[in-house]
Amino acid sequence: MVHDKTMSKLEELSRSISETFTFLDGLFSSSSMLIAIANTSGLFVKVSQSWGVLGWTPQELCLRPYMEFVHPDDVANTNAVWLSITEHGRSVDSFRNRYRHKDGRYSWLRWCTNSTASDNHVYSLAEYEGIAE
């Protein structure tokens, strides 16, 4: 009897997890916002398909530190914001920097970012603002 209740709860939990992953996969594949999850080492662990606007595939973005995509003039400020998020747990509601397209051009992105100390990840939404002049 106890075994049956435990199995039932495990099956329910498994269904719930599966539904959550299905929802997140749908969000990451259909959102026009640039969605990113990074680890505190500075690597993207998951990005949405919408990052294709910069010419990169999600796999390409996850292979290199995110700072490699930041415009050289924005690196210092981006790093300061990153440290305030990862070391001090601050949220950022509106931060702009330029990100490199695969073809070498740069575009402005406006970020909203948060982190959770419990899992060492940074969660971000970015709005594509167009080609930087």
C-alpha atoms as a PDB file:
ATOM      1  CA  MET A   1       0.000   0.000   0.000  1.00  0.00           C
ATOM      2  CA  VAL A   2       2.764   2.458   0.945  1.00  0.00           C
ATOM      3  CA  HIS A   3       4.701   1.384  -2.131  1.00  0.00           C
ATOM      4  CA  ASP A   4       1.672   2.116  -4.352  1.00  0.00           C
ATOM      5  CA  LYS A   5       1.279   5.629  -2.875  1.00  0.00           C
ATOM      6  CA  THR A   6       4.979   6.329  -3.324  1.00  0.00           C
ATOM      7  CA  MET A   7       4.894   5.131  -6.935  1.00  0.00           C
ATOM      8  CA  SER A   8       1.799   7.248  -7.611  1.00  0.00           C
ATOM      9  CA  LYS A   9       3.516  10.361  -6.232  1.00  0.00           C
ATOM     10  CA  LEU A  10       6.649   9.623  -8.270  1.00  0.00           C
ATOM     11  CA  GLU A  11       4.603   9.217 -11.444  1.00  0.00           C
ATOM     12  CA  GLU A  12       2.787  12.494 -10.742  1.00  0.00           C
ATOM     13  CA  LEU A  13       6.090  14.274 -10.131  1.00  0.00           C
ATOM     14  CA  SER A  14       7.526  12.787 -13.324  1.00  0.00           C
ATOM     15  CA  ARG A  15       4.521  14.039 -15.344  1.00  0.00           C
ATOM     16  CA  SER A  16       4.852  17.497 -13.805  1.00  0.00           C
ATOM     17  CA  ILE A  17       8.558  17.682 -14.654  1.00  0.00           C
ATOM     18  CA  SER A  18       7.873  16.502 -18.192  1.00  0.00           C
ATOM     19  CA  GLU A  19       5.161  19.154 -18.649  1.00  0.00           C
ATOM     20  CA  THR A  20       7.515  21.852 -17.323  1.00  0.00           C
ATOM     21  CA  PHE A  21      10.262  20.865 -19.761  1.00  0.00           C
ATOM     22  CA  THR A  22       7.768  20.806 -22.628  1.00  0.00           C
ATOM     23  CA  PHE A  23       6.615  24.313 -21.679  1.00  0.00           C
ATOM     24  CA  LEU A  24      10.193  25.626 -21.418  1.00  0.00           C
ATOM     25  CA  ASP A  25      11.200  24.055 -24.726  1.00  0.00           C
ATOM     26  CA  GLY A  26       8.203  25.748 -26.354  1.00  0.00           C
ATOM     27  CA  LEU A  27       9.147  29.074 -24.796  1.00  0.00           C
ATOM     28  CA  PHE A  28      12.789  28.794 -25.885  1.00  0.00           C
ATOM     29  CA  SER A  29      11.833  27.828 -29.433  1.00  0.00           C
ATOM     30  CA  SER A  30       9.048  30.363 -30.053  1.00  0.00           C
ATOM     31  CA  SER A  31       9.874  33.535 -28.106  1.00  0.00           C
ATOM     32  CA  SER A  32      10.964  36.626 -30.001  1.00  0.00           C
ATOM     33  CA  MET A  33      12.914  37.704 -26.904  1.00  0.00           C
ATOM     34  CA  LEU A  34      16.490  36.507 -26.637  1.00  0.00           C
ATOM     35  CA  ILE A  35      16.386  34.158 -23.643  1.00  0.00           C
ATOM     36  CA  ALA A  36      19.585  32.938 -22.007  1.00  0.00           C
ATOM     37  CA  ILE A  37      20.651  30.902 -19.036  1.00  0.00           C
ATOM     38  CA  ALA A  38      24.331  31.202 -18.149  1.00  0.00           C
ATOM     39  CA  ASN A  39      26.425  29.632 -15.451  1.00  0.00           C
ATOM     40  CA  THR A  40      28.473  31.804 -13.130  1.00  0.00           C
ATOM     41  CA  SER A  41      31.620  30.855 -15.073  1.00  0.00           C
ATOM     42  CA  GLY A  42      30.346  32.984 -17.958  1.00  0.00           C
ATOM     43  CA  LEU A  43      29.139  30.295 -20.338  1.00  0.00           C
ATOM     44  CA  PHE A  44      25.668  30.097 -21.798  1.00  0.00           C
ATOM     45  CA  VAL A  45      24.078  26.772 -20.890  1.00  0.00           C
ATOM     46  CA  LYS A  46      20.841  27.342 -22.824  1.00  0.00           C
ATOM     47  CA  VAL A  47      19.728  30.048 -25.236  1.00  0.00           C
ATOM     48  CA  SER A  48      16.554  30.491 -27.251  1.00  0.00           C
ATOM     49  CA  GLN A  49      16.286  30.025 -31.002  1.00  0.00           C
ATOM     50  CA  SER A  50      15.701  33.787 -31.331  1.00  0.00           C
ATOM     51  CA  TRP A  51      19.453  34.341 -30.934  1.00  0.00           C
ATOM     52  CA  GLY A  52      19.569  33.409 -34.604  1.00  0.00           C
ATOM     53  CA  VAL A  53      18.931  37.111 -35.298  1.00  0.00           C
ATOM     54  CA  LEU A  54      22.690  37.501 -34.683  1.00  0.00           C
ATOM     55  CA  GLY A  55      23.516  34.634 -37.035  1.00  0.00           C
ATOM     56  CA  TRP A  56      24.649  32.216 -34.301  1.00  0.00           C
ATOM     57  CA  THR A  57      23.096  28.857 -33.519  1.00  0.00           C
ATOM     58  CA  PRO A  58      22.318  28.080 -29.881  1.00  0.00           C
ATOM     59  CA  GLN A  59      25.078  25.461 -29.955  1.00  0.00           C
ATOM     60  CA  GLU A  60      27.678  27.982 -31.184  1.00  0.00           C
ATOM     61  CA  LEU A  61      26.742  30.458 -28.465  1.00  0.00           C
ATOM     62  CA  CYS A  62      27.047  27.814 -25.749  1.00  0.00           C
ATOM     63  CA  LEU A  63      30.558  26.782 -26.806  1.00  0.00           C
ATOM     64  CA  ARG A  64      32.297  30.080 -25.990  1.00  0.00           C
ATOM     65  CA  PRO A  65      32.306  32.498 -23.055  1.00  0.00           C
ATOM     66  CA  TYR A  66      29.603  35.115 -23.512  1.00  0.00           C
ATOM     67  CA  MET A  67      32.186  37.915 -23.226  1.00  0.00           C
ATOM     68  CA  GLU A  68      33.607  36.877 -26.602  1.00  0.00           C
ATOM     69  CA  PHE A  69      30.421  38.247 -28.167  1.00  0.00           C
ATOM     70  CA  VAL A  70      30.432  41.613 -26.333  1.00  0.00           C
ATOM     71  CA  HIS A  71      31.705  44.719 -28.160  1.00  0.00           C
ATOM     72  CA  PRO A  72      35.226  45.620 -26.902  1.00  0.00           C
ATOM     73  CA  ASP A  73      34.038  49.063 -25.755  1.00  0.00           C
ATOM     74  CA  ASP A  74      31.302  47.421 -23.634  1.00  0.00           C
ATOM     75  CA  VAL A  75      33.392  44.717 -21.943  1.00  0.00           C
ATOM     76  CA  ALA A  76      34.331  46.680 -18.797  1.00  0.00           C
ATOM     77  CA  ASN A  77      30.784  47.845 -18.108  1.00  0.00           C
ATOM     78  CA  THR A  78      29.315  44.421 -18.950  1.00  0.00           C
ATOM     79  CA  ASN A  79      31.800  42.769 -16.605  1.00  0.00           C
ATOM     80  CA  ALA A  80      30.885  45.196 -13.791  1.00  0.00           C
ATOM     81  CA  VAL A  81      27.193  44.409 -14.246  1.00  0.00           C
ATOM     82  CA  TRP A  82      27.950  40.663 -14.377  1.00  0.00           C
ATOM     83  CA  LEU A  83      29.853  40.873 -11.085  1.00  0.00           C
ATOM     84  CA  SER A  84      27.035  42.802  -9.409  1.00  0.00           C
ATOM     85  CA  ILE A  85      24.654  40.024 -10.450  1.00  0.00           C
ATOM     86  CA  THR A  86      26.816  37.003  -9.674  1.00  0.00           C
ATOM     87  CA  GLU A  87      28.647  38.228  -6.569  1.00  0.00           C
ATOM     88  CA  HIS A  88      26.066  40.510  -4.990  1.00  0.00           C
ATOM     89  CA  GLY A  89      22.821  38.915  -6.152  1.00  0.00           C
ATOM     90  CA  ARG A  90      21.506  42.075  -7.757  1.00  0.00           C
ATOM     91  CA  SER A  91      18.879  42.088 -10.475  1.00  0.00           C
ATOM     92  CA  VAL A  92      19.297  44.249 -13.544  1.00  0.00           C
ATOM     93  CA  ASP A  93      16.149  45.680 -15.092  1.00  0.00           C
ATOM     94  CA  SER A  94      17.624  47.536 -18.041  1.00  0.00           C
ATOM     95  CA  PHE A  95      21.200  47.199 -19.204  1.00  0.00           C
ATOM     96  CA  ARG A  96      22.405  47.813 -22.767  1.00  0.00           C
ATOM     97  CA  ASN A  97      25.424  46.464 -24.563  1.00  0.00           C
ATOM     98  CA  ARG A  98      26.434  45.520 -28.068  1.00  0.00           C
ATOM     99  CA  TYR A  99      26.683  41.901 -29.175  1.00  0.00           C
ATOM    100  CA  ARG A 100      28.601  40.633 -32.179  1.00  0.00           C
ATOM    101  CA  HIS A 101      26.831  39.068 -35.120  1.00  0.00           C
ATOM    102  CA  LYS A 102      28.444  36.064 -36.729  1.00  0.00           C
ATOM    103  CA  ASP A 103      29.324  38.318 -39.701  1.00  0.00           C
ATOM    104  CA  GLY A 104      31.188  40.770 -37.420  1.00  0.00           C
ATOM    105  CA  ARG A 105      28.561  43.522 -37.148  1.00  0.00           C
ATOM    106  CA  TYR A 106      27.256  44.549 -33.722  1.00  0.00           C
ATOM    107  CA  SER A 107      23.728  45.090 -32.462  1.00  0.00           C
ATOM    108  CA  TRP A 108      22.372  46.692 -29.341  1.00  0.00           C
ATOM    109  CA  LEU A 109      20.689  44.417 -26.804  1.00  0.00           C
ATOM    110  CA  ARG A 110      18.707  45.582 -23.766  1.00  0.00           C
ATOM    111  CA  TRP A 111      18.895  43.094 -20.894  1.00  0.00           C
ATOM    112  CA  CYS A 112      16.847  42.161 -17.840  1.00  0.00           C
ATOM    113  CA  THR A 113      18.827  39.741 -15.708  1.00  0.00           C
ATOM    114  CA  ASN A 114      18.540  37.902 -12.406  1.00  0.00           C
ATOM    115  CA  SER A 115      20.429  35.146 -10.641  1.00  0.00           C
ATOM    116  CA  THR A 116      19.732  32.598  -7.973  1.00  0.00           C
ATOM    117  CA  ALA A 117      22.457  31.754  -5.505  1.00  0.00           C
ATOM    118  CA  SER A 118      20.990  28.305  -4.966  1.00  0.00           C
ATOM    119  CA  ASP A 119      21.785  27.023  -8.459  1.00  0.00           C
ATOM    120  CA  ASN A 120      24.630  29.282  -9.677  1.00  0.00           C
ATOM    121  CA  HIS A 121      22.829  30.344 -12.835  1.00  0.00           C
ATOM    122  CA  VAL A 122      22.005  33.712 -14.332  1.00  0.00           C
ATOM    123  CA  TYR A 123      18.658  34.080 -16.105  1.00  0.00           C
ATOM    124  CA  SER A 124      18.319  36.747 -18.770  1.00  0.00           C
ATOM    125  CA  LEU A 125      15.948  38.215 -21.308  1.00  0.00           C
ATOM    126  CA  ALA A 126      17.321  40.519 -23.965  1.00  0.00           C
ATOM    127  CA  GLU A 127      15.513  42.678 -26.466  1.00  0.00           C
ATOM    128  CA  TYR A 128      17.151  43.104 -29.868  1.00  0.00           C
ATOM    129  CA  GLU A 129      17.360  46.836 -30.587  1.00  0.00           C
ATOM    130  CA  GLY A 130      19.008  46.764 -34.005  1.00  0.00           C
ATOM    131  CA  ILE A 131      22.356  47.295 -35.664  1.00  0.00           C
ATOM    132  CA  ALA A 132      24.788  49.566 -33.802  1.00  0.00           C
ATOM    133  CA  GLU A 133      26.132  52.444 -35.899  1.00  0.00           C
END
